[in-house]
Amino acid sequence: MTAVLILAVIACSLGVVSSQHESRRLVTEIEREQAHTRALQEEFTRLDIEQQAVAALPTVEKLARKALRMDVPGKDTQISLDLSREGRR
């Protein structure tokens, strides 16, 4: 009878240890997924801001053309600079 009780206590102890290990593993996995979620939210925010900035460019161009009477310079008034290493010599 005592041997059976000792085996039952050992089995229960192993079950508790196994449960604690599994619980810690799952908590670690949850924390990893939460960190991944935060990273994705930050990337989404950055991309959303970038998209809004790009979407605003036509509006800025339209205002520059109308209010400031700005236009793209013609080919004869454009100046090109060669910034490569060969051009710096």
Protein backbone atom coordinates (compact mmCIF):
# COMPACT_ATOMS: atom_id res chain seq x y z
CA MET A 1 0.00 0.00 0.00
CA THR A 2 2.82 2.41 0.89
CA ALA A 3 4.60 1.68 -2.39
CA VAL A 4 1.44 2.52 -4.32
CA LEU A 5 1.12 5.83 -2.48
CA ILE A 6 4.79 6.65 -3.11
CA LEU A 7 4.34 5.90 -6.83
CA ALA A 8 1.20 8.06 -6.88
CA VAL A 9 3.06 10.97 -5.23
CA ILE A 10 5.95 10.60 -7.69
CA ALA A 11 3.54 10.48 -10.63
CA CYS A 12 1.71 13.57 -9.36
CA SER A 13 5.01 15.38 -8.83
CA LEU A 14 6.11 14.58 -12.38
CA GLY A 15 2.73 15.78 -13.62
CA VAL A 16 3.12 19.09 -11.77
CA VAL A 17 6.64 19.60 -13.12
CA SER A 18 5.47 18.77 -16.63
CA SER A 19 2.51 21.16 -16.31
CA GLN A 20 4.74 23.98 -15.06
CA HIS A 21 7.17 23.43 -17.91
CA GLU A 22 4.38 23.47 -20.49
CA SER A 23 2.90 26.60 -18.87
CA ARG A 24 6.24 28.43 -19.04
CA ARG A 25 6.72 27.36 -22.65
CA LEU A 26 3.27 28.69 -23.57
CA VAL A 27 3.86 31.99 -21.73
CA THR A 28 7.14 32.42 -23.61
CA GLU A 29 5.37 31.70 -26.90
CA ILE A 30 2.62 34.22 -26.06
CA GLU A 31 5.22 36.89 -25.25
CA ARG A 32 7.05 36.18 -28.51
CA GLU A 33 3.81 36.49 -30.48
CA GLN A 34 2.92 39.72 -28.67
CA ALA A 35 6.33 41.17 -29.57
CA HIS A 36 5.77 40.12 -33.19
CA THR A 37 2.32 41.76 -33.11
CA ARG A 38 3.83 45.01 -31.79
CA ALA A 39 6.47 44.94 -34.54
CA LEU A 40 3.79 44.42 -37.19
CA GLN A 41 1.71 47.27 -35.75
CA GLU A 42 4.74 49.58 -35.86
CA GLU A 43 5.45 48.58 -39.46
CA PHE A 44 1.80 49.16 -40.39
CA THR A 45 1.90 52.62 -38.80
CA ARG A 46 5.13 53.47 -40.62
CA LEU A 47 3.74 52.25 -43.95
CA ASP A 48 0.47 54.11 -43.38
CA ILE A 49 2.35 57.36 -42.73
CA GLU A 50 4.49 56.74 -45.81
CA GLN A 51 1.37 56.09 -47.91
CA GLN A 52 -0.22 59.32 -46.67
CA ALA A 53 2.95 61.24 -47.54
CA VAL A 54 3.07 59.76 -51.03
CA ALA A 55 -0.62 60.43 -51.52
CA ALA A 56 -0.07 64.06 -50.52
CA LEU A 57 2.59 64.63 -53.21
CA PRO A 58 0.08 65.24 -56.04
CA THR A 59 -1.72 67.75 -53.83
CA VAL A 60 1.53 69.60 -53.12
CA GLU A 61 2.40 69.56 -56.81
CA LYS A 62 -1.04 70.91 -57.73
CA LEU A 63 -0.70 73.72 -55.18
CA ALA A 64 2.80 74.55 -56.41
CA ARG A 65 1.59 74.77 -60.00
CA LYS A 66 -1.48 76.90 -59.20
CA ALA A 67 -0.61 79.13 -56.24
CA LEU A 68 3.13 79.54 -56.84
CA ARG A 69 3.02 79.21 -60.64
CA MET A 70 5.80 76.62 -60.50
CA ASP A 71 6.43 74.18 -63.32
CA VAL A 72 8.96 71.52 -64.27
CA PRO A 73 11.93 73.17 -65.99
CA GLY A 74 12.46 72.44 -69.65
CA LYS A 75 15.35 70.32 -70.95
CA ASP A 76 17.30 73.41 -71.99
CA THR A 77 17.25 74.83 -68.44
CA GLN A 78 18.12 71.63 -66.55
CA ILE A 79 21.62 71.08 -65.17
CA SER A 80 22.89 67.56 -64.47
CA LEU A 81 25.71 66.81 -62.05
CA ASP A 82 27.85 63.70 -62.20
CA LEU A 83 28.46 62.65 -58.59
CA SER A 84 30.22 59.39 -59.36
CA ARG A 85 33.86 58.89 -58.34
CA GLU A 86 35.01 59.37 -61.90
CA GLY A 87 33.25 62.74 -62.08
CA ARG A 88 34.98 63.98 -58.90
CA ARG A 89 38.49 63.84 -60.29
